[in-house]
Amino acid sequence: MQFIKILFWVLLLVATFIFWWTNEARASLDLGTAIVEARVSTFVVGAFMIGFLPTWLFLRGSQWRLVRRIKTLEDAARPAYAQKPSASPAPSPTPSPTPVAEPAPAVSSIDSKKAPGA
């Protein structure tokens, strides 16, 4: 579908260029402070763009606004358990092992027979 849209716009651009190139009749337009002389086809394409661009921009703005509204409503309608998890979930409590007291070292008979100066 994207290819067809691109093909349509390219063909429209080529047709507009051919229309502009083949119509060589000249005309003048008095703007009050200046007089503009150009091809008639330039004025026709310019008038088309003056009418087309605001309408197209309004359409794109409406689509953008509606897509945002739809996304907001879809997020609100999604159940609480299906919402995205938070960035850092709380760790699950795991039981820690109870510390085991180590037995006291046994006193051997060799240690007690050592000489006090040794």
PDB file of N, CA and C in Angstrom:
ATOM      1  N   MET A   1       0.823  -1.182   0.000  1.00  0.00           N
ATOM      2  CA  MET A   1       0.000   0.000   0.000  1.00  0.00           C
ATOM      3  C   MET A   1       0.876   1.258   0.000  1.00  0.00           C
ATOM      4  N   GLN A   2       1.959   1.215   0.744  1.00  0.00           N
ATOM      5  CA  GLN A   2       2.857   2.370   0.794  1.00  0.00           C
ATOM      6  C   GLN A   2       3.442   2.645  -0.586  1.00  0.00           C
ATOM      7  N   PHE A   3       3.757   1.590  -1.336  1.00  0.00           N
ATOM      8  CA  PHE A   3       4.307   1.761  -2.677  1.00  0.00           C
ATOM      9  C   PHE A   3       3.306   2.472  -3.584  1.00  0.00           C
ATOM     10  N   ILE A   4       2.030   2.130  -3.465  1.00  0.00           N
ATOM     11  CA  ILE A   4       1.007   2.756  -4.307  1.00  0.00           C
ATOM     12  C   ILE A   4       0.876   4.236  -3.965  1.00  0.00           C
ATOM     13  N   LYS A   5       0.947   4.588  -2.686  1.00  0.00           N
ATOM     14  CA  LYS A   5       0.873   5.994  -2.289  1.00  0.00           C
ATOM     15  C   LYS A   5       2.058   6.779  -2.851  1.00  0.00           C
ATOM     16  N   ILE A   6       3.250   6.204  -2.745  1.00  0.00           N
ATOM     17  CA  ILE A   6       4.442   6.877  -3.269  1.00  0.00           C
ATOM     18  C   ILE A   6       4.338   7.026  -4.776  1.00  0.00           C
ATOM     19  N   LEU A   7       3.893   5.978  -5.450  1.00  0.00           N
ATOM     20  CA  LEU A   7       3.728   6.033  -6.903  1.00  0.00           C
ATOM     21  C   LEU A   7       2.726   7.109  -7.300  1.00  0.00           C
ATOM     22  N   PHE A   8       1.618   7.214  -6.574  1.00  0.00           N
ATOM     23  CA  PHE A   8       0.620   8.247  -6.850  1.00  0.00           C
ATOM     24  C   PHE A   8       1.224   9.642  -6.738  1.00  0.00           C
ATOM     25  N   TRP A   9       1.952   9.919  -5.660  1.00  0.00           N
ATOM     26  CA  TRP A   9       2.520  11.248  -5.457  1.00  0.00           C
ATOM     27  C   TRP A   9       3.601  11.563  -6.502  1.00  0.00           C
ATOM     28  N   VAL A  10       4.387  10.580  -6.864  1.00  0.00           N
ATOM     29  CA  VAL A  10       5.411  10.809  -7.899  1.00  0.00           C
ATOM     30  C   VAL A  10       4.742  11.105  -9.242  1.00  0.00           C
ATOM     31  N   LEU A  11       3.708  10.343  -9.601  1.00  0.00           N
ATOM     32  CA  LEU A  11       2.999  10.595 -10.857  1.00  0.00           C
ATOM     33  C   LEU A  11       2.319  11.959 -10.848  1.00  0.00           C
ATOM     34  N   LEU A  12       1.745  12.350  -9.722  1.00  0.00           N
ATOM     35  CA  LEU A  12       1.130  13.675  -9.615  1.00  0.00           C
ATOM     36  C   LEU A  12       2.176  14.776  -9.770  1.00  0.00           C
ATOM     37  N   LEU A  13       3.339  14.590  -9.180  1.00  0.00           N
ATOM     38  CA  LEU A  13       4.416  15.573  -9.308  1.00  0.00           C
ATOM     39  C   LEU A  13       4.903  15.669 -10.749  1.00  0.00           C
ATOM     40  N   VAL A  14       5.058  14.533 -11.409  1.00  0.00           N
ATOM     41  CA  VAL A  14       5.498  14.537 -12.816  1.00  0.00           C
ATOM     42  C   VAL A  14       4.445  15.200 -13.690  1.00  0.00           C
ATOM     43  N   ALA A  15       3.170  14.889 -13.479  1.00  0.00           N
ATOM     44  CA  ALA A  15       2.101  15.510 -14.270  1.00  0.00           C
ATOM     45  C   ALA A  15       2.056  17.013 -14.050  1.00  0.00           C
ATOM     46  N   THR A  16       2.257  17.458 -12.838  1.00  0.00           N
ATOM     47  CA  THR A  16       2.281  18.896 -12.545  1.00  0.00           C
ATOM     48  C   THR A  16       3.459  19.570 -13.241  1.00  0.00           C
ATOM     49  N   PHE A  17       4.613  18.929 -13.207  1.00  0.00           N
ATOM     50  CA  PHE A  17       5.780  19.505 -13.872  1.00  0.00           C
ATOM     51  C   PHE A  17       5.563  19.587 -15.389  1.00  0.00           C
ATOM     52  N   ILE A  18       5.003  18.518 -15.970  1.00  0.00           N
ATOM     53  CA  ILE A  18       4.738  18.542 -17.418  1.00  0.00           C
ATOM     54  C   ILE A  18       3.733  19.638 -17.749  1.00  0.00           C
ATOM     55  N   PHE A  19       2.684  19.786 -16.927  1.00  0.00           N
ATOM     56  CA  PHE A  19       1.706  20.866 -17.133  1.00  0.00           C
ATOM     57  C   PHE A  19       2.390  22.221 -17.069  1.00  0.00           C
ATOM     58  N   TRP A  20       3.247  22.416 -16.101  1.00  0.00           N
ATOM     59  CA  TRP A  20       3.926  23.701 -15.948  1.00  0.00           C
ATOM     60  C   TRP A  20       4.867  23.957 -17.126  1.00  0.00           C
ATOM     61  N   TRP A  21       5.576  22.939 -17.571  1.00  0.00           N
ATOM     62  CA  TRP A  21       6.574  23.095 -18.618  1.00  0.00           C
ATOM     63  C   TRP A  21       5.946  23.374 -19.987  1.00  0.00           C
ATOM     64  N   THR A  22       4.809  22.742 -20.289  1.00  0.00           N
ATOM     65  CA  THR A  22       4.218  22.859 -21.632  1.00  0.00           C
ATOM     66  C   THR A  22       3.388  24.118 -21.797  1.00  0.00           C
ATOM     67  N   ASN A  23       2.902  24.728 -20.746  1.00  0.00           N
ATOM     68  CA  ASN A  23       2.099  25.954 -20.856  1.00  0.00           C
ATOM     69  C   ASN A  23       3.009  27.163 -20.721  1.00  0.00           C
ATOM     70  N   GLU A  24       3.299  27.776 -21.860  1.00  0.00           N
ATOM     71  CA  GLU A  24       4.249  28.886 -21.838  1.00  0.00           C
ATOM     72  C   GLU A  24       3.595  30.257 -21.921  1.00  0.00           C
ATOM     73  N   ALA A  25       2.273  30.322 -21.884  1.00  0.00           N
ATOM     74  CA  ALA A  25       1.596  31.618 -21.915  1.00  0.00           C
ATOM     75  C   ALA A  25       1.953  32.393 -20.653  1.00  0.00           C
ATOM     76  N   ARG A  26       2.247  33.668 -20.818  1.00  0.00           N
ATOM     77  CA  ARG A  26       2.661  34.496 -19.684  1.00  0.00           C
ATOM     78  C   ARG A  26       1.511  35.388 -19.255  1.00  0.00           C
ATOM     79  N   ALA A  27       1.511  35.708 -17.981  1.00  0.00           N
ATOM     80  CA  ALA A  27       0.482  36.592 -17.427  1.00  0.00           C
ATOM     81  C   ALA A  27       1.119  37.432 -16.335  1.00  0.00           C
ATOM     82  N   SER A  28       0.428  38.508 -15.984  1.00  0.00           N
ATOM     83  CA  SER A  28       0.937  39.351 -14.898  1.00  0.00           C
ATOM     84  C   SER A  28      -0.133  39.441 -13.813  1.00  0.00           C
ATOM     85  N   LEU A  29       0.333  39.566 -12.597  1.00  0.00           N
ATOM     86  CA  LEU A  29      -0.543  39.643 -11.433  1.00  0.00           C
ATOM     87  C   LEU A  29      -0.177  40.887 -10.667  1.00  0.00           C
ATOM     88  N   ASP A  30      -1.172  41.769 -10.463  1.00  0.00           N
ATOM     89  CA  ASP A  30      -0.945  43.015  -9.744  1.00  0.00           C
ATOM     90  C   ASP A  30      -1.272  42.801  -8.273  1.00  0.00           C
ATOM     91  N   LEU A  31      -0.268  42.876  -7.429  1.00  0.00           N
ATOM     92  CA  LEU A  31      -0.434  42.666  -5.985  1.00  0.00           C
ATOM     93  C   LEU A  31      -0.594  43.985  -5.232  1.00  0.00           C
ATOM     94  N   GLY A  32      -0.720  45.068  -5.902  1.00  0.00           N
ATOM     95  CA  GLY A  32      -0.863  46.371  -5.265  1.00  0.00           C
ATOM     96  C   GLY A  32       0.480  47.074  -5.143  1.00  0.00           C
ATOM     97  N   THR A  33       1.435  46.442  -4.502  1.00  0.00           N
ATOM     98  CA  THR A  33       2.753  47.048  -4.340  1.00  0.00           C
ATOM     99  C   THR A  33       3.732  46.546  -5.399  1.00  0.00           C
ATOM    100  N   ALA A  34       3.414  45.430  -6.032  1.00  0.00           N
ATOM    101  CA  ALA A  34       4.314  44.854  -7.028  1.00  0.00           C
ATOM    102  C   ALA A  34       3.489  44.161  -8.104  1.00  0.00           C
ATOM    103  N   ILE A  35       4.075  44.054  -9.265  1.00  0.00           N
ATOM    104  CA  ILE A  35       3.466  43.318 -10.371  1.00  0.00           C
ATOM    105  C   ILE A  35       4.338  42.095 -10.622  1.00  0.00           C
ATOM    106  N   VAL A  36       3.711  40.928 -10.592  1.00  0.00           N
ATOM    107  CA  VAL A  36       4.426  39.675 -10.778  1.00  0.00           C
ATOM    108  C   VAL A  36       4.095  39.140 -12.159  1.00  0.00           C
ATOM    109  N   GLU A  37       5.130  38.882 -12.961  1.00  0.00           N
ATOM    110  CA  GLU A  37       4.927  38.273 -14.272  1.00  0.00           C
ATOM    111  C   GLU A  37       5.490  36.857 -14.240  1.00  0.00           C
ATOM    112  N   ALA A  38       4.665  35.888 -14.655  1.00  0.00           N
ATOM    113  CA  ALA A  38       5.076  34.485 -14.661  1.00  0.00           C
ATOM    114  C   ALA A  38       4.178  33.721 -15.618  1.00  0.00           C
ATOM    115  N   ARG A  39       4.468  32.452 -15.769  1.00  0.00           N
ATOM    116  CA  ARG A  39       3.630  31.595 -16.604  1.00  0.00           C
ATOM    117  C   ARG A  39       2.256  31.440 -15.963  1.00  0.00           C
ATOM    118  N   VAL A  40       1.250  31.250 -16.778  1.00  0.00           N
ATOM    119  CA  VAL A  40      -0.097  31.022 -16.269  1.00  0.00           C
ATOM    120  C   VAL A  40      -0.113  29.749 -15.424  1.00  0.00           C
ATOM    121  N   SER A  41       0.608  28.749 -15.875  1.00  0.00           N
ATOM    122  CA  SER A  41       0.637  27.490 -15.133  1.00  0.00           C
ATOM    123  C   SER A  41       1.237  27.671 -13.735  1.00  0.00           C
ATOM    124  N   THR A  42       2.156  28.609 -13.571  1.00  0.00           N
ATOM    125  CA  THR A  42       2.716  28.893 -12.252  1.00  0.00           C
ATOM    126  C   THR A  42       1.632  29.429 -11.333  1.00  0.00           C
ATOM    127  N   PHE A  43       0.799  30.315 -11.848  1.00  0.00           N
ATOM    128  CA  PHE A  43      -0.301  30.848 -11.046  1.00  0.00           C
ATOM    129  C   PHE A  43      -1.326  29.770 -10.717  1.00  0.00           C
ATOM    130  N   VAL A  44      -1.594  28.867 -11.666  1.00  0.00           N
ATOM    131  CA  VAL A  44      -2.556  27.788 -11.428  1.00  0.00           C
ATOM    132  C   VAL A  44      -2.033  26.845 -10.348  1.00  0.00           C
ATOM    133  N   VAL A  45      -0.774  26.425 -10.469  1.00  0.00           N
ATOM    134  CA  VAL A  45      -0.185  25.523  -9.465  1.00  0.00           C
ATOM    135  C   VAL A  45      -0.101  26.239  -8.122  1.00  0.00           C
ATOM    136  N   GLY A  46       0.254  27.510  -8.124  1.00  0.00           N
ATOM    137  CA  GLY A  46       0.323  28.278  -6.881  1.00  0.00           C
ATOM    138  C   GLY A  46      -1.040  28.391  -6.207  1.00  0.00           C
ATOM    139  N   ALA A  47      -2.087  28.647  -7.000  1.00  0.00           N
ATOM    140  CA  ALA A  47      -3.435  28.730  -6.428  1.00  0.00           C
ATOM    141  C   ALA A  47      -3.866  27.382  -5.863  1.00  0.00           C
ATOM    142  N   PHE A  48      -3.514  26.298  -6.562  1.00  0.00           N
ATOM    143  CA  PHE A  48      -3.832  24.959  -6.052  1.00  0.00           C
ATOM    144  C   PHE A  48      -3.143  24.723  -4.718  1.00  0.00           C
ATOM    145  N   MET A  49      -1.874  25.081  -4.621  1.00  0.00           N
ATOM    146  CA  MET A  49      -1.135  24.859  -3.374  1.00  0.00           C
ATOM    147  C   MET A  49      -1.684  25.734  -2.241  1.00  0.00           C
ATOM    148  N   ILE A  50      -2.088  26.957  -2.554  1.00  0.00           N
ATOM    149  CA  ILE A  50      -2.654  27.835  -1.526  1.00  0.00           C
ATOM    150  C   ILE A  50      -3.936  27.229  -0.958  1.00  0.00           C
ATOM    151  N   GLY A  51      -4.712  26.563  -1.791  1.00  0.00           N
ATOM    152  CA  GLY A  51      -5.923  25.915  -1.308  1.00  0.00           C
ATOM    153  C   GLY A  51      -5.672  24.555  -0.689  1.00  0.00           C
ATOM    154  N   PHE A  52      -4.682  23.844  -1.193  1.00  0.00           N
ATOM    155  CA  PHE A  52      -4.432  22.467  -0.754  1.00  0.00           C
ATOM    156  C   PHE A  52      -3.697  22.399   0.584  1.00  0.00           C
ATOM    157  N   LEU A  53      -2.660  23.187   0.766  1.00  0.00           N
ATOM    158  CA  LEU A  53      -1.821  23.067   1.969  1.00  0.00           C
ATOM    159  C   LEU A  53      -2.566  23.289   3.279  1.00  0.00           C
ATOM    160  N   PRO A  54      -3.362  24.363   3.425  1.00  0.00           N
ATOM    161  CA  PRO A  54      -4.080  24.509   4.713  1.00  0.00           C
ATOM    162  C   PRO A  54      -5.037  23.349   4.988  1.00  0.00           C
ATOM    163  N   THR A  55      -5.719  22.884   3.947  1.00  0.00           N
ATOM    164  CA  THR A  55      -6.645  21.766   4.122  1.00  0.00           C
ATOM    165  C   THR A  55      -5.891  20.503   4.520  1.00  0.00           C
ATOM    166  N   TRP A  56      -4.777  20.247   3.874  1.00  0.00           N
ATOM    167  CA  TRP A  56      -3.978  19.058   4.184  1.00  0.00           C
ATOM    168  C   TRP A  56      -3.413  19.138   5.599  1.00  0.00           C
ATOM    169  N   LEU A  57      -2.930  20.319   5.992  1.00  0.00           N
ATOM    170  CA  LEU A  57      -2.402  20.483   7.347  1.00  0.00           C
ATOM    171  C   LEU A  57      -3.500  20.295   8.394  1.00  0.00           C
ATOM    172  N   PHE A  58      -4.704  20.776   8.112  1.00  0.00           N
ATOM    173  CA  PHE A  58      -5.824  20.581   9.028  1.00  0.00           C
ATOM    174  C   PHE A  58      -6.150  19.092   9.162  1.00  0.00           C
ATOM    175  N   LEU A  59      -6.149  18.380   8.047  1.00  0.00           N
ATOM    176  CA  LEU A  59      -6.413  16.942   8.057  1.00  0.00           C
ATOM    177  C   LEU A  59      -5.371  16.208   8.894  1.00  0.00           C
ATOM    178  N   ARG A  60      -4.095  16.502   8.690  1.00  0.00           N
ATOM    179  CA  ARG A  60      -3.026  15.832   9.447  1.00  0.00           C
ATOM    180  C   ARG A  60      -3.144  16.129  10.938  1.00  0.00           C
ATOM    181  N   GLY A  61      -3.489  17.378  11.287  1.00  0.00           N
ATOM    182  CA  GLY A  61      -3.677  17.725  12.701  1.00  0.00           C
ATOM    183  C   GLY A  61      -4.836  16.980  13.318  1.00  0.00           C
ATOM    184  N   SER A  62      -5.927  16.838  12.586  1.00  0.00           N
ATOM    185  CA  SER A  62      -7.091  16.097  13.084  1.00  0.00           C
ATOM    186  C   SER A  62      -6.744  14.627  13.276  1.00  0.00           C
ATOM    187  N   GLN A  63      -6.037  14.037  12.330  1.00  0.00           N
ATOM    188  CA  GLN A  63      -5.647  12.635  12.457  1.00  0.00           C
ATOM    189  C   GLN A  63      -4.734  12.436  13.665  1.00  0.00           C
ATOM    190  N   TRP A  64      -3.801  13.336  13.859  1.00  0.00           N
ATOM    191  CA  TRP A  64      -2.877  13.241  14.993  1.00  0.00           C
ATOM    192  C   TRP A  64      -3.646  13.316  16.312  1.00  0.00           C
ATOM    193  N   ARG A  65      -4.599  14.262  16.400  1.00  0.00           N
ATOM    194  CA  ARG A  65      -5.389  14.433  17.613  1.00  0.00           C
ATOM    195  C   ARG A  65      -6.244  13.195  17.886  1.00  0.00           C
ATOM    196  N   LEU A  66      -6.863  12.640  16.842  1.00  0.00           N
ATOM    197  CA  LEU A  66      -7.707  11.463  17.022  1.00  0.00           C
ATOM    198  C   LEU A  66      -6.899  10.227  17.404  1.00  0.00           C
ATOM    199  N   VAL A  67      -5.716  10.071  16.838  1.00  0.00           N
ATOM    200  CA  VAL A  67      -4.860   8.932  17.209  1.00  0.00           C
ATOM    201  C   VAL A  67      -4.461   9.041  18.677  1.00  0.00           C
ATOM    202  N   ARG A  68      -4.145  10.240  19.134  1.00  0.00           N
ATOM    203  CA  ARG A  68      -3.806  10.427  20.550  1.00  0.00           C
ATOM    204  C   ARG A  68      -4.997  10.115  21.442  1.00  0.00           C
ATOM    205  N   ARG A  69      -6.188  10.553  21.047  1.00  0.00           N
ATOM    206  CA  ARG A  69      -7.389  10.289  21.842  1.00  0.00           C
ATOM    207  C   ARG A  69      -7.674   8.785  21.913  1.00  0.00           C
ATOM    208  N   ILE A  70      -7.561   8.099  20.775  1.00  0.00           N
ATOM    209  CA  ILE A  70      -7.799   6.658  20.746  1.00  0.00           C
ATOM    210  C   ILE A  70      -6.806   5.934  21.649  1.00  0.00           C
ATOM    211  N   LYS A  71      -5.532   6.334  21.593  1.00  0.00           N
ATOM    212  CA  LYS A  71      -4.517   5.688  22.435  1.00  0.00           C
ATOM    213  C   LYS A  71      -4.822   5.913  23.915  1.00  0.00           C
ATOM    214  N   THR A  72      -5.250   7.115  24.266  1.00  0.00           N
ATOM    215  CA  THR A  72      -5.594   7.406  25.662  1.00  0.00           C
ATOM    216  C   THR A  72      -6.776   6.561  26.122  1.00  0.00           C
ATOM    217  N   LEU A  73      -7.804   6.447  25.280  1.00  0.00           N
ATOM    218  CA  LEU A  73      -8.979   5.651  25.646  1.00  0.00           C
ATOM    219  C   LEU A  73      -8.645   4.164  25.737  1.00  0.00           C
ATOM    220  N   GLU A  74      -7.793   3.669  24.848  1.00  0.00           N
ATOM    221  CA  GLU A  74      -7.391   2.270  24.913  1.00  0.00           C
ATOM    222  C   GLU A  74      -6.595   1.986  26.179  1.00  0.00           C
ATOM    223  N   ASP A  75      -5.715   2.917  26.555  1.00  0.00           N
ATOM    224  CA  ASP A  75      -4.943   2.733  27.786  1.00  0.00           C
ATOM    225  C   ASP A  75      -5.854   2.746  29.007  1.00  0.00           C
ATOM    226  N   ALA A  76      -6.888   3.597  28.986  1.00  0.00           N
ATOM    227  CA  ALA A  76      -7.809   3.673  30.121  1.00  0.00           C
ATOM    228  C   ALA A  76      -8.682   2.424  30.206  1.00  0.00           C
ATOM    229  N   ALA A  77      -8.999   1.818  29.068  1.00  0.00           N
ATOM    230  CA  ALA A  77      -9.866   0.640  29.057  1.00  0.00           C
ATOM    231  C   ALA A  77      -9.111  -0.646  29.370  1.00  0.00           C
ATOM    232  N   ARG A  78      -7.811  -0.624  29.310  1.00  0.00           N
ATOM    233  CA  ARG A  78      -7.012  -1.816  29.592  1.00  0.00           C
ATOM    234  C   ARG A  78      -7.114  -2.139  31.079  1.00  0.00           C
ATOM    235  N   PRO A  79      -7.313  -3.417  31.426  1.00  0.00           N
ATOM    236  CA  PRO A  79      -7.418  -3.792  32.844  1.00  0.00           C
ATOM    237  C   PRO A  79      -6.137  -3.446  33.607  1.00  0.00           C
ATOM    238  N   ALA A  80      -6.292  -3.294  34.917  1.00  0.00           N
ATOM    239  CA  ALA A  80      -5.153  -2.881  35.745  1.00  0.00           C
ATOM    240  C   ALA A  80      -4.046  -3.917  35.735  1.00  0.00           C
ATOM    241  N   TYR A  81      -4.392  -5.203  35.702  1.00  0.00           N
ATOM    242  CA  TYR A  81      -3.360  -6.235  35.741  1.00  0.00           C
ATOM    243  C   TYR A  81      -2.629  -6.366  34.419  1.00  0.00           C
ATOM    244  N   ALA A  82      -3.164  -5.807  33.340  1.00  0.00           N
ATOM    245  CA  ALA A  82      -2.500  -5.916  32.041  1.00  0.00           C
ATOM    246  C   ALA A  82      -1.666  -4.692  31.728  1.00  0.00           C
ATOM    247  N   GLN A  83      -1.647  -3.720  32.632  1.00  0.00           N
ATOM    248  CA  GLN A  83      -0.859  -2.525  32.375  1.00  0.00           C
ATOM    249  C   GLN A  83       0.616  -2.847  32.432  1.00  0.00           C
ATOM    250  N   LYS A  84       1.384  -1.961  31.864  1.00  0.00           N
ATOM    251  CA  LYS A  84       2.832  -2.160  31.819  1.00  0.00           C
ATOM    252  C   LYS A  84       3.397  -2.226  33.237  1.00  0.00           C
ATOM    253  N   PRO A  85       4.347  -3.118  33.477  1.00  0.00           N
ATOM    254  CA  PRO A  85       4.963  -3.183  34.809  1.00  0.00           C
ATOM    255  C   PRO A  85       5.807  -1.936  35.058  1.00  0.00           C
ATOM    256  N   SER A  86       5.957  -1.609  36.329  1.00  0.00           N
ATOM    257  CA  SER A  86       6.766  -0.445  36.671  1.00  0.00           C
ATOM    258  C   SER A  86       8.230  -0.717  36.344  1.00  0.00           C
ATOM    259  N   ALA A  87       9.013   0.344  36.345  1.00  0.00           N
ATOM    260  CA  ALA A  87      10.413   0.238  35.944  1.00  0.00           C
ATOM    261  C   ALA A  87      11.202  -0.686  36.878  1.00  0.00           C
ATOM    262  N   SER A  88      10.945  -0.602  38.186  1.00  0.00           N
ATOM    263  CA  SER A  88      11.676  -1.449  39.128  1.00  0.00           C
ATOM    264  C   SER A  88      10.662  -2.140  40.040  1.00  0.00           C
ATOM    265  N   PRO A  89      10.293  -3.362  39.693  1.00  0.00           N
ATOM    266  CA  PRO A  89       9.306  -4.066  40.530  1.00  0.00           C
ATOM    267  C   PRO A  89       9.889  -4.374  41.898  1.00  0.00           C
ATOM    268  N   ALA A  90       8.992  -4.462  42.881  1.00  0.00           N
ATOM    269  CA  ALA A  90       9.440  -4.757  44.243  1.00  0.00           C
ATOM    270  C   ALA A  90       9.953  -6.194  44.292  1.00  0.00           C
ATOM    271  N   PRO A  91      11.101  -6.402  44.918  1.00  0.00           N
ATOM    272  CA  PRO A  91      11.642  -7.774  44.976  1.00  0.00           C
ATOM    273  C   PRO A  91      10.756  -8.651  45.848  1.00  0.00           C
ATOM    274  N   SER A  92      10.627  -9.886  45.459  1.00  0.00           N
ATOM    275  CA  SER A  92       9.807 -10.816  46.247  1.00  0.00           C
ATOM    276  C   SER A  92      10.586 -11.193  47.501  1.00  0.00           C
ATOM    277  N   PRO A  93       9.892 -11.234  48.620  1.00  0.00           N
ATOM    278  CA  PRO A  93      10.604 -11.554  49.872  1.00  0.00           C
ATOM    279  C   PRO A  93      11.003 -13.027  49.874  1.00  0.00           C
ATOM    280  N   THR A  94      12.284 -13.272  50.039  1.00  0.00           N
ATOM    281  CA  THR A  94      12.789 -14.645  50.128  1.00  0.00           C
ATOM    282  C   THR A  94      13.275 -14.861  51.549  1.00  0.00           C
ATOM    283  N   PRO A  95      12.951 -15.989  52.127  1.00  0.00           N
ATOM    284  CA  PRO A  95      13.396 -16.224  53.510  1.00  0.00           C
ATOM    285  C   PRO A  95      14.913 -16.355  53.549  1.00  0.00           C
ATOM    286  N   SER A  96      15.502 -15.625  54.462  1.00  0.00           N
ATOM    287  CA  SER A  96      16.957 -15.711  54.613  1.00  0.00           C
ATOM    288  C   SER A  96      17.274 -16.825  55.614  1.00  0.00           C
ATOM    289  N   PRO A  97      18.363 -17.538  55.410  1.00  0.00           N
ATOM    290  CA  PRO A  97      18.703 -18.630  56.333  1.00  0.00           C
ATOM    291  C   PRO A  97      19.070 -18.065  57.701  1.00  0.00           C
ATOM    292  N   THR A  98      18.646 -18.762  58.717  1.00  0.00           N
ATOM    293  CA  THR A  98      18.975 -18.319  60.078  1.00  0.00           C
ATOM    294  C   THR A  98      20.450 -18.584  60.338  1.00  0.00           C
ATOM    295  N   PRO A  99      21.134 -17.651  60.958  1.00  0.00           N
ATOM    296  CA  PRO A  99      22.565 -17.854  61.203  1.00  0.00           C
ATOM    297  C   PRO A  99      22.792 -18.992  62.196  1.00  0.00           C
ATOM    298  N   VAL A 100      23.748 -19.798  61.865  1.00  0.00           N
ATOM    299  CA  VAL A 100      24.103 -20.939  62.719  1.00  0.00           C
ATOM    300  C   VAL A 100      25.326 -20.547  63.530  1.00  0.00           C
ATOM    301  N   ALA A 101      25.221 -20.745  64.839  1.00  0.00           N
ATOM    302  CA  ALA A 101      26.354 -20.418  65.704  1.00  0.00           C
ATOM    303  C   ALA A 101      27.414 -21.494  65.545  1.00  0.00           C
ATOM    304  N   GLU A 102      28.645 -21.048  65.328  1.00  0.00           N
ATOM    305  CA  GLU A 102      29.732 -22.010  65.170  1.00  0.00           C
ATOM    306  C   GLU A 102      30.180 -22.479  66.547  1.00  0.00           C
ATOM    307  N   PRO A 103      30.518 -23.741  66.649  1.00  0.00           N
ATOM    308  CA  PRO A 103      30.966 -24.232  67.962  1.00  0.00           C
ATOM    309  C   PRO A 103      32.302 -23.607  68.345  1.00  0.00           C
ATOM    310  N   ALA A 104      32.512 -23.496  69.621  1.00  0.00           N
ATOM    311  CA  ALA A 104      33.764 -22.934  70.121  1.00  0.00           C
ATOM    312  C   ALA A 104      34.895 -23.901  69.808  1.00  0.00           C
ATOM    313  N   PRO A 105      36.077 -23.382  69.502  1.00  0.00           N
ATOM    314  CA  PRO A 105      37.182 -24.277  69.192  1.00  0.00           C
ATOM    315  C   PRO A 105      37.554 -25.120  70.416  1.00  0.00           C
ATOM    316  N   ALA A 106      37.836 -26.338  70.146  1.00  0.00           N
ATOM    317  CA  ALA A 106      38.208 -27.249  71.235  1.00  0.00           C
ATOM    318  C   ALA A 106      39.659 -26.997  71.653  1.00  0.00           C
ATOM    319  N   VAL A 107      39.891 -27.079  72.926  1.00  0.00           N
ATOM    320  CA  VAL A 107      41.242 -26.887  73.448  1.00  0.00           C
ATOM    321  C   VAL A 107      41.929 -28.244  73.437  1.00  0.00           C
ATOM    322  N   SER A 108      43.050 -28.310  72.774  1.00  0.00           N
ATOM    323  CA  SER A 108      43.755 -29.587  72.718  1.00  0.00           C
ATOM    324  C   SER A 108      44.782 -29.666  73.847  1.00  0.00           C
ATOM    325  N   SER A 109      45.172 -30.838  74.143  1.00  0.00           N
ATOM    326  CA  SER A 109      46.131 -31.038  75.219  1.00  0.00           C
ATOM    327  C   SER A 109      47.501 -30.525  74.820  1.00  0.00           C
ATOM    328  N   ILE A 110      47.786 -30.440  73.524  1.00  0.00           N
ATOM    329  CA  ILE A 110      49.100 -29.963  73.073  1.00  0.00           C
ATOM    330  C   ILE A 110      49.237 -28.483  73.356  1.00  0.00           C
ATOM    331  N   ASP A 111      48.154 -27.745  73.166  1.00  0.00           N
ATOM    332  CA  ASP A 111      48.201 -26.303  73.394  1.00  0.00           C
ATOM    333  C   ASP A 111      48.417 -25.975  74.890  1.00  0.00           C
ATOM    334  N   SER A 112      47.861 -26.767  75.756  1.00  0.00           N
ATOM    335  CA  SER A 112      47.996 -26.472  77.170  1.00  0.00           C
ATOM    336  C   SER A 112      49.366 -26.853  77.716  1.00  0.00           C
ATOM    337  N   LYS A 113      50.134 -27.745  77.048  1.00  0.00           N
ATOM    338  CA  LYS A 113      51.414 -28.170  77.558  1.00  0.00           C
ATOM    339  C   LYS A 113      52.559 -27.317  77.024  1.00  0.00           C
ATOM    340  N   LYS A 114      52.261 -26.330  76.271  1.00  0.00           N
ATOM    341  CA  LYS A 114      53.324 -25.496  75.715  1.00  0.00           C
ATOM    342  C   LYS A 114      53.982 -24.714  76.855  1.00  0.00           C
ATOM    343  N   ALA A 115      55.223 -24.489  76.651  1.00  0.00           N
ATOM    344  CA  ALA A 115      55.965 -23.743  77.655  1.00  0.00           C
ATOM    345  C   ALA A 115      55.538 -22.286  77.559  1.00  0.00           C
ATOM    346  N   PRO A 116      55.481 -21.576  78.703  1.00  0.00           N
ATOM    347  CA  PRO A 116      55.053 -20.187  78.658  1.00  0.00           C
ATOM    348  C   PRO A 116      56.008 -19.296  77.907  1.00  0.00           C
ATOM    349  N   GLY A 117      57.219 -19.590  77.772  1.00  0.00           N
ATOM    350  CA  GLY A 117      58.164 -18.732  77.058  1.00  0.00           C
ATOM    351  C   GLY A 117      58.333 -19.120  75.604  1.00  0.00           C
ATOM    352  N   ALA A 118      57.712 -20.175  75.168  1.00  0.00           N
ATOM    353  CA  ALA A 118      57.937 -20.687  73.828  1.00  0.00           C
ATOM    354  C   ALA A 118      57.147 -20.004  72.788  1.00  0.00           C
TER     355      ALA A 118
END
